[in-house]
């Protein structure tokens, strides 16, 4: 692995930190396999704000057509791993 390139565990930790800031849930209480919409309890604006924070954290832009593929936070981790590695 290249130095400075995040691995999946690092990506998961960073994502959980962002999610916990938006949901006020403890990172260890967030279900990575649960439905993003149902588990996080965010409205549409909250989800967009969360995704903007993810884009900023990982210095990427997530195209709208890719957003439909995010059913769980693990889906987001896999996507980020593919994009930033």
PDB file of N, CA and C in Angstrom:
ATOM      1  N   UNK A   1       0.841  -1.171   0.000  1.00  0.00           N
ATOM      2  CA  UNK A   1       0.000   0.000   0.000  1.00  0.00           C
ATOM      3  C   UNK A   1       0.890   1.240   0.000  1.00  0.00           C
ATOM      4  N   UNK A   2       0.465   2.252  -0.739  1.00  0.00           N
ATOM      5  CA  UNK A   2       1.212   3.498  -0.792  1.00  0.00           C
ATOM      6  C   UNK A   2       1.053   4.256   0.519  1.00  0.00           C
ATOM      7  N   UNK A   3       2.115   4.969   0.882  1.00  0.00           N
ATOM      8  CA  UNK A   3       2.043   5.792   2.092  1.00  0.00           C
ATOM      9  C   UNK A   3       1.068   6.936   1.832  1.00  0.00           C
ATOM     10  N   UNK A   4       0.218   7.190   2.800  1.00  0.00           N
ATOM     11  CA  UNK A   4      -0.732   8.286   2.678  1.00  0.00           C
ATOM     12  C   UNK A   4      -2.045   7.901   2.017  1.00  0.00           C
ATOM     13  N   UNK A   5      -2.131   6.691   1.483  1.00  0.00           N
ATOM     14  CA  UNK A   5      -3.374   6.242   0.870  1.00  0.00           C
ATOM     15  C   UNK A   5      -4.186   5.523   1.949  1.00  0.00           C
ATOM     16  N   UNK A   6      -5.409   5.985   2.198  1.00  0.00           N
ATOM     17  CA  UNK A   6      -6.198   5.377   3.271  1.00  0.00           C
ATOM     18  C   UNK A   6      -6.616   3.950   2.939  1.00  0.00           C
ATOM     19  N   UNK A   7      -6.646   3.096   3.966  1.00  0.00           N
ATOM     20  CA  UNK A   7      -7.173   1.758   3.783  1.00  0.00           C
ATOM     21  C   UNK A   7      -8.631   1.751   4.239  1.00  0.00           C
ATOM     22  N   UNK A   8      -9.286   0.602   4.065  1.00  0.00           N
ATOM     23  CA  UNK A   8     -10.717   0.548   4.375  1.00  0.00           C
ATOM     24  C   UNK A   8     -11.006   0.820   5.851  1.00  0.00           C
ATOM     25  N   UNK A   9     -10.141   0.369   6.739  1.00  0.00           N
ATOM     26  CA  UNK A   9     -10.369   0.625   8.165  1.00  0.00           C
ATOM     27  C   UNK A   9     -10.269   2.118   8.457  1.00  0.00           C
ATOM     28  N   UNK A  10      -9.288   2.768   7.864  1.00  0.00           N
ATOM     29  CA  UNK A  10      -9.126   4.209   8.029  1.00  0.00           C
ATOM     30  C   UNK A  10     -10.332   4.943   7.455  1.00  0.00           C
ATOM     31  N   UNK A  11     -10.775   4.516   6.286  1.00  0.00           N
ATOM     32  CA  UNK A  11     -11.948   5.126   5.654  1.00  0.00           C
ATOM     33  C   UNK A  11     -13.171   4.954   6.545  1.00  0.00           C
ATOM     34  N   UNK A  12     -13.363   3.760   7.089  1.00  0.00           N
ATOM     35  CA  UNK A  12     -14.506   3.499   7.975  1.00  0.00           C
ATOM     36  C   UNK A  12     -14.477   4.408   9.188  1.00  0.00           C
ATOM     37  N   UNK A  13     -13.309   4.545   9.807  1.00  0.00           N
ATOM     38  CA  UNK A  13     -13.182   5.399  10.995  1.00  0.00           C
ATOM     39  C   UNK A  13     -13.495   6.850  10.671  1.00  0.00           C
ATOM     40  N   UNK A  14     -12.972   7.333   9.558  1.00  0.00           N
ATOM     41  CA  UNK A  14     -13.220   8.723   9.161  1.00  0.00           C
ATOM     42  C   UNK A  14     -14.695   8.934   8.844  1.00  0.00           C
ATOM     43  N   UNK A  15     -15.306   7.968   8.156  1.00  0.00           N
ATOM     44  CA  UNK A  15     -16.728   8.069   7.825  1.00  0.00           C
ATOM     45  C   UNK A  15     -17.575   8.043   9.095  1.00  0.00           C
ATOM     46  N   UNK A  16     -17.263   7.150  10.016  1.00  0.00           N
ATOM     47  CA  UNK A  16     -18.016   7.080  11.270  1.00  0.00           C
ATOM     48  C   UNK A  16     -17.911   8.376  12.064  1.00  0.00           C
ATOM     49  N   UNK A  17     -16.756   8.999  12.034  1.00  0.00           N
ATOM     50  CA  UNK A  17     -16.586  10.271  12.735  1.00  0.00           C
ATOM     51  C   UNK A  17     -17.521  11.328  12.148  1.00  0.00           C
ATOM     52  N   UNK A  18     -17.568  11.394  10.817  1.00  0.00           N
ATOM     53  CA  UNK A  18     -18.452  12.355  10.146  1.00  0.00           C
ATOM     54  C   UNK A  18     -19.915  12.058  10.478  1.00  0.00           C
ATOM     55  N   UNK A  19     -20.297  10.791  10.361  1.00  0.00           N
ATOM     56  CA  UNK A  19     -21.686  10.400  10.621  1.00  0.00           C
ATOM     57  C   UNK A  19     -22.067  10.724  12.061  1.00  0.00           C
ATOM     58  N   UNK A  20     -21.177  10.446  12.993  1.00  0.00           N
ATOM     59  CA  UNK A  20     -21.507  10.718  14.395  1.00  0.00           C
ATOM     60  C   UNK A  20     -21.694  12.208  14.655  1.00  0.00           C
ATOM     61  N   UNK A  21     -20.973  13.044  13.918  1.00  0.00           N
ATOM     62  CA  UNK A  21     -21.150  14.486  14.064  1.00  0.00           C
ATOM     63  C   UNK A  21     -22.524  14.935  13.557  1.00  0.00           C
ATOM     64  N   UNK A  22     -23.021  14.277  12.523  1.00  0.00           N
ATOM     65  CA  UNK A  22     -24.317  14.669  11.950  1.00  0.00           C
ATOM     66  C   UNK A  22     -25.495  14.038  12.668  1.00  0.00           C
ATOM     67  N   UNK A  23     -25.277  12.902  13.307  1.00  0.00           N
ATOM     68  CA  UNK A  23     -26.384  12.204  13.957  1.00  0.00           C
ATOM     69  C   UNK A  23     -26.307  12.272  15.475  1.00  0.00           C
ATOM     70  N   UNK A  24     -25.187  12.733  16.003  1.00  0.00           N
ATOM     71  CA  UNK A  24     -24.934  12.782  17.438  1.00  0.00           C
ATOM     72  C   UNK A  24     -24.944  11.399  18.074  1.00  0.00           C
ATOM     73  N   UNK A  25     -24.752  10.354  17.253  1.00  0.00           N
ATOM     74  CA  UNK A  25     -24.653   8.986  17.763  1.00  0.00           C
ATOM     75  C   UNK A  25     -23.178   8.659  17.998  1.00  0.00           C
ATOM     76  N   UNK A  26     -22.930   7.822  18.970  1.00  0.00           N
ATOM     77  CA  UNK A  26     -21.565   7.367  19.216  1.00  0.00           C
ATOM     78  C   UNK A  26     -21.132   6.482  18.051  1.00  0.00           C
ATOM     79  N   UNK A  27     -19.897   6.648  17.576  1.00  0.00           N
ATOM     80  CA  UNK A  27     -19.433   5.849  16.427  1.00  0.00           C
ATOM     81  C   UNK A  27     -19.616   4.340  16.613  1.00  0.00           C
ATOM     82  N   UNK A  28     -19.407   3.836  17.831  1.00  0.00           N
ATOM     83  CA  UNK A  28     -19.539   2.390  18.052  1.00  0.00           C
ATOM     84  C   UNK A  28     -20.997   1.926  18.090  1.00  0.00           C
ATOM     85  N   UNK A  29     -21.928   2.866  18.054  1.00  0.00           N
ATOM     86  CA  UNK A  29     -23.357   2.530  18.053  1.00  0.00           C
ATOM     87  C   UNK A  29     -23.971   2.611  16.650  1.00  0.00           C
ATOM     88  N   UNK A  30     -23.187   3.022  15.661  1.00  0.00           N
ATOM     89  CA  UNK A  30     -23.696   3.192  14.302  1.00  0.00           C
ATOM     90  C   UNK A  30     -23.588   1.870  13.547  1.00  0.00           C
ATOM     91  N   UNK A  31     -24.701   1.441  12.972  1.00  0.00           N
ATOM     92  CA  UNK A  31     -24.758   0.181  12.228  1.00  0.00           C
ATOM     93  C   UNK A  31     -24.301   0.420  10.787  1.00  0.00           C
ATOM     94  N   UNK A  32     -23.139  -0.117  10.453  1.00  0.00           N
ATOM     95  CA  UNK A  32     -22.571   0.061   9.111  1.00  0.00           C
ATOM     96  C   UNK A  32     -23.363  -0.705   8.048  1.00  0.00           C
ATOM     97  N   UNK A  33     -24.155  -1.701   8.464  1.00  0.00           N
ATOM     98  CA  UNK A  33     -24.914  -2.516   7.521  1.00  0.00           C
ATOM     99  C   UNK A  33     -26.388  -2.128   7.438  1.00  0.00           C
ATOM    100  N   UNK A  34     -26.817  -1.214   8.283  1.00  0.00           N
ATOM    101  CA  UNK A  34     -28.211  -0.790   8.268  1.00  0.00           C
ATOM    102  C   UNK A  34     -28.476   0.215   7.163  1.00  0.00           C
ATOM    103  N   UNK A  35     -29.709   0.356   6.803  1.00  0.00           N
ATOM    104  CA  UNK A  35     -30.123   1.332   5.795  1.00  0.00           C
ATOM    105  C   UNK A  35     -29.696   2.729   6.222  1.00  0.00           C
ATOM    106  N   UNK A  36     -29.044   3.446   5.319  1.00  0.00           N
ATOM    107  CA  UNK A  36     -28.587   4.793   5.648  1.00  0.00           C
ATOM    108  C   UNK A  36     -29.758   5.663   6.086  1.00  0.00           C
ATOM    109  N   UNK A  37     -30.816   5.649   5.328  1.00  0.00           N
ATOM    110  CA  UNK A  37     -31.960   6.505   5.642  1.00  0.00           C
ATOM    111  C   UNK A  37     -32.642   6.098   6.953  1.00  0.00           C
ATOM    112  N   UNK A  38     -32.847   4.803   7.142  1.00  0.00           N
ATOM    113  CA  UNK A  38     -33.553   4.351   8.346  1.00  0.00           C
ATOM    114  C   UNK A  38     -32.666   4.400   9.579  1.00  0.00           C
ATOM    115  N   UNK A  39     -31.421   3.981   9.449  1.00  0.00           N
ATOM    116  CA  UNK A  39     -30.523   3.904  10.600  1.00  0.00           C
ATOM    117  C   UNK A  39     -30.118   5.274  11.102  1.00  0.00           C
ATOM    118  N   UNK A  40     -29.802   6.185  10.186  1.00  0.00           N
ATOM    119  CA  UNK A  40     -29.277   7.489  10.591  1.00  0.00           C
ATOM    120  C   UNK A  40     -30.369   8.481  10.953  1.00  0.00           C
ATOM    121  N   UNK A  41     -31.570   8.278  10.435  1.00  0.00           N
ATOM    122  CA  UNK A  41     -32.673   9.165  10.766  1.00  0.00           C
ATOM    123  C   UNK A  41     -32.501  10.591  10.263  1.00  0.00           C
ATOM    124  N   UNK A  42     -31.799  10.749   9.145  1.00  0.00           N
ATOM    125  CA  UNK A  42     -31.603  12.080   8.575  1.00  0.00           C
ATOM    126  C   UNK A  42     -32.632  12.341   7.481  1.00  0.00           C
ATOM    127  N   UNK A  43     -33.070  13.573   7.379  1.00  0.00           N
ATOM    128  CA  UNK A  43     -33.949  13.940   6.270  1.00  0.00           C
ATOM    129  C   UNK A  43     -33.089  14.154   5.022  1.00  0.00           C
ATOM    130  N   UNK A  44     -33.710  14.514   3.914  1.00  0.00           N
ATOM    131  CA  UNK A  44     -32.983  14.690   2.649  1.00  0.00           C
ATOM    132  C   UNK A  44     -31.884  15.735   2.760  1.00  0.00           C
ATOM    133  N   UNK A  45     -32.178  16.842   3.423  1.00  0.00           N
ATOM    134  CA  UNK A  45     -31.173  17.887   3.592  1.00  0.00           C
ATOM    135  C   UNK A  45     -30.006  17.385   4.440  1.00  0.00           C
ATOM    136  N   UNK A  46     -30.325  16.647   5.488  1.00  0.00           N
ATOM    137  CA  UNK A  46     -29.284  16.082   6.350  1.00  0.00           C
ATOM    138  C   UNK A  46     -28.383  15.121   5.603  1.00  0.00           C
ATOM    139  N   UNK A  47     -28.994  14.298   4.742  1.00  0.00           N
ATOM    140  CA  UNK A  47     -28.199  13.362   3.944  1.00  0.00           C
ATOM    141  C   UNK A  47     -27.287  14.097   2.971  1.00  0.00           C
ATOM    142  N   UNK A  48     -27.812  15.145   2.331  1.00  0.00           N
ATOM    143  CA  UNK A  48     -26.977  15.923   1.409  1.00  0.00           C
ATOM    144  C   UNK A  48     -25.833  16.614   2.148  1.00  0.00           C
ATOM    145  N   UNK A  49     -26.117  17.136   3.317  1.00  0.00           N
ATOM    146  CA  UNK A  49     -25.075  17.768   4.122  1.00  0.00           C
ATOM    147  C   UNK A  49     -24.012  16.756   4.516  1.00  0.00           C
ATOM    148  N   UNK A  50     -24.451  15.574   4.901  1.00  0.00           N
ATOM    149  CA  UNK A  50     -23.527  14.505   5.259  1.00  0.00           C
ATOM    150  C   UNK A  50     -22.643  14.133   4.070  1.00  0.00           C
ATOM    151  N   UNK A  51     -23.249  13.972   2.903  1.00  0.00           N
ATOM    152  CA  UNK A  51     -22.475  13.611   1.710  1.00  0.00           C
ATOM    153  C   UNK A  51     -21.509  14.721   1.315  1.00  0.00           C
ATOM    154  N   UNK A  52     -21.899  15.974   1.501  1.00  0.00           N
ATOM    155  CA  UNK A  52     -20.979  17.084   1.238  1.00  0.00           C
ATOM    156  C   UNK A  52     -19.779  17.012   2.177  1.00  0.00           C
ATOM    157  N   UNK A  53     -20.017  16.660   3.428  1.00  0.00           N
ATOM    158  CA  UNK A  53     -18.924  16.524   4.383  1.00  0.00           C
ATOM    159  C   UNK A  53     -17.999  15.369   4.001  1.00  0.00           C
ATOM    160  N   UNK A  54     -18.580  14.282   3.506  1.00  0.00           N
ATOM    161  CA  UNK A  54     -17.786  13.137   3.052  1.00  0.00           C
ATOM    162  C   UNK A  54     -16.929  13.543   1.854  1.00  0.00           C
ATOM    163  N   UNK A  55     -17.532  14.251   0.906  1.00  0.00           N
ATOM    164  CA  UNK A  55     -16.773  14.723  -0.264  1.00  0.00           C
ATOM    165  C   UNK A  55     -15.611  15.609   0.168  1.00  0.00           C
ATOM    166  N   UNK A  56     -15.860  16.481   1.101  1.00  0.00           N
ATOM    167  CA  UNK A  56     -14.821  17.381   1.589  1.00  0.00           C
ATOM    168  C   UNK A  56     -13.715  16.611   2.304  1.00  0.00           C
ATOM    169  N   UNK A  57     -14.095  15.694   3.171  1.00  0.00           N
ATOM    170  CA  UNK A  57     -13.128  14.913   3.947  1.00  0.00           C
ATOM    171  C   UNK A  57     -12.203  14.097   3.044  1.00  0.00           C
ATOM    172  N   UNK A  58     -12.766  13.529   1.975  1.00  0.00           N
ATOM    173  CA  UNK A  58     -11.989  12.642   1.115  1.00  0.00           C
ATOM    174  C   UNK A  58     -11.533  13.313  -0.182  1.00  0.00           C
ATOM    175  N   UNK A  59     -11.799  14.605  -0.297  1.00  0.00           N
ATOM    176  CA  UNK A  59     -11.372  15.390  -1.473  1.00  0.00           C
ATOM    177  C   UNK A  59     -11.807  14.746  -2.789  1.00  0.00           C
ATOM    178  N   UNK A  60     -13.091  14.396  -2.841  1.00  0.00           N
ATOM    179  CA  UNK A  60     -13.663  13.817  -4.057  1.00  0.00           C
ATOM    180  C   UNK A  60     -15.007  14.474  -4.327  1.00  0.00           C
ATOM    181  N   UNK A  61     -15.513  14.238  -5.521  1.00  0.00           N
ATOM    182  CA  UNK A  61     -16.869  14.621  -5.876  1.00  0.00           C
ATOM    183  C   UNK A  61     -17.617  13.340  -6.203  1.00  0.00           C
ATOM    184  N   UNK A  62     -18.759  13.154  -5.567  1.00  0.00           N
ATOM    185  CA  UNK A  62     -19.572  11.964  -5.807  1.00  0.00           C
ATOM    186  C   UNK A  62     -20.683  12.346  -6.776  1.00  0.00           C
ATOM    187  N   UNK A  63     -20.649  11.792  -7.995  1.00  0.00           N
ATOM    188  CA  UNK A  63     -21.694  12.109  -8.972  1.00  0.00           C
ATOM    189  C   UNK A  63     -23.076  11.665  -8.477  1.00  0.00           C
ATOM    190  N   UNK A  64     -24.088  12.428  -8.837  1.00  0.00           N
ATOM    191  CA  UNK A  64     -25.456  12.120  -8.413  1.00  0.00           C
ATOM    192  C   UNK A  64     -25.859  10.694  -8.763  1.00  0.00           C
ATOM    193  N   UNK A  65     -25.441  10.203  -9.919  1.00  0.00           N
ATOM    194  CA  UNK A  65     -25.848   8.856 -10.336  1.00  0.00           C
ATOM    195  C   UNK A  65     -25.250   7.770  -9.431  1.00  0.00           C
ATOM    196  N   UNK A  66     -24.162   8.080  -8.725  1.00  0.00           N
ATOM    197  CA  UNK A  66     -23.570   7.110  -7.803  1.00  0.00           C
ATOM    198  C   UNK A  66     -24.296   7.073  -6.458  1.00  0.00           C
ATOM    199  N   UNK A  67     -24.978   8.147  -6.115  1.00  0.00           N
ATOM    200  CA  UNK A  67     -25.650   8.228  -4.814  1.00  0.00           C
ATOM    201  C   UNK A  67     -26.707   7.148  -4.632  1.00  0.00           C
ATOM    202  N   UNK A  68     -27.367   6.767  -5.704  1.00  0.00           N
ATOM    203  CA  UNK A  68     -28.423   5.749  -5.623  1.00  0.00           C
ATOM    204  C   UNK A  68     -27.878   4.388  -5.204  1.00  0.00           C
ATOM    205  N   UNK A  69     -26.574   4.181  -5.355  1.00  0.00           N
ATOM    206  CA  UNK A  69     -25.955   2.899  -4.992  1.00  0.00           C
ATOM    207  C   UNK A  69     -25.655   2.794  -3.500  1.00  0.00           C
ATOM    208  N   UNK A  70     -25.806   3.881  -2.761  1.00  0.00           N
ATOM    209  CA  UNK A  70     -25.488   3.883  -1.337  1.00  0.00           C
ATOM    210  C   UNK A  70     -26.704   3.487  -0.512  1.00  0.00           C
ATOM    211  N   UNK A  71     -26.783   2.225  -0.166  1.00  0.00           N
ATOM    212  CA  UNK A  71     -27.871   1.751   0.692  1.00  0.00           C
ATOM    213  C   UNK A  71     -27.425   1.674   2.148  1.00  0.00           C
ATOM    214  N   UNK A  72     -26.144   1.334   2.367  1.00  0.00           N
ATOM    215  CA  UNK A  72     -25.590   1.219   3.716  1.00  0.00           C
ATOM    216  C   UNK A  72     -24.295   2.029   3.793  1.00  0.00           C
ATOM    217  N   UNK A  73     -23.815   2.248   5.001  1.00  0.00           N
ATOM    218  CA  UNK A  73     -22.539   2.938   5.153  1.00  0.00           C
ATOM    219  C   UNK A  73     -21.396   2.087   4.611  1.00  0.00           C
ATOM    220  N   UNK A  74     -21.539   0.768   4.677  1.00  0.00           N
ATOM    221  CA  UNK A  74     -20.509  -0.092   4.077  1.00  0.00           C
ATOM    222  C   UNK A  74     -20.425   0.120   2.570  1.00  0.00           C
ATOM    223  N   UNK A  75     -21.549   0.392   1.925  1.00  0.00           N
ATOM    224  CA  UNK A  75     -21.531   0.720   0.492  1.00  0.00           C
ATOM    225  C   UNK A  75     -20.692   1.972   0.251  1.00  0.00           C
ATOM    226  N   UNK A  76     -20.822   2.945   1.132  1.00  0.00           N
ATOM    227  CA  UNK A  76     -20.066   4.187   1.008  1.00  0.00           C
ATOM    228  C   UNK A  76     -18.570   3.910   1.207  1.00  0.00           C
ATOM    229  N   UNK A  77     -18.240   3.080   2.197  1.00  0.00           N
ATOM    230  CA  UNK A  77     -16.836   2.735   2.449  1.00  0.00           C
ATOM    231  C   UNK A  77     -16.226   2.062   1.221  1.00  0.00           C
ATOM    232  N   UNK A  78     -16.940   1.103   0.638  1.00  0.00           N
ATOM    233  CA  UNK A  78     -16.426   0.418  -0.556  1.00  0.00           C
ATOM    234  C   UNK A  78     -16.233   1.394  -1.712  1.00  0.00           C
ATOM    235  N   UNK A  79     -17.172   2.289  -1.884  1.00  0.00           N
ATOM    236  CA  UNK A  79     -17.077   3.301  -2.935  1.00  0.00           C
ATOM    237  C   UNK A  79     -15.853   4.187  -2.709  1.00  0.00           C
ATOM    238  N   UNK A  80     -15.703   4.664  -1.477  1.00  0.00           N
ATOM    239  CA  UNK A  80     -14.567   5.542  -1.158  1.00  0.00           C
ATOM    240  C   UNK A  80     -13.246   4.807  -1.323  1.00  0.00           C
ATOM    241  N   UNK A  81     -13.205   3.556  -0.908  1.00  0.00           N
ATOM    242  CA  UNK A  81     -11.984   2.767  -1.054  1.00  0.00           C
ATOM    243  C   UNK A  81     -11.584   2.678  -2.526  1.00  0.00           C
ATOM    244  N   UNK A  82     -12.558   2.497  -3.380  1.00  0.00           N
ATOM    245  CA  UNK A  82     -12.316   2.408  -4.821  1.00  0.00           C
ATOM    246  C   UNK A  82     -11.837   3.741  -5.394  1.00  0.00           C
ATOM    247  N   UNK A  83     -12.375   4.849  -4.866  1.00  0.00           N
ATOM    248  CA  UNK A  83     -12.075   6.169  -5.415  1.00  0.00           C
ATOM    249  C   UNK A  83     -10.784   6.788  -4.879  1.00  0.00           C
ATOM    250  N   UNK A  84     -10.447   6.526  -3.619  1.00  0.00           N
ATOM    251  CA  UNK A  84      -9.289   7.210  -3.031  1.00  0.00           C
ATOM    252  C   UNK A  84      -8.045   6.337  -2.942  1.00  0.00           C
ATOM    253  N   UNK A  85      -8.178   5.053  -3.244  1.00  0.00           N
ATOM    254  CA  UNK A  85      -7.015   4.159  -3.169  1.00  0.00           C
ATOM    255  C   UNK A  85      -6.265   4.120  -4.484  1.00  0.00           C
TER     256      UNK A  85
END
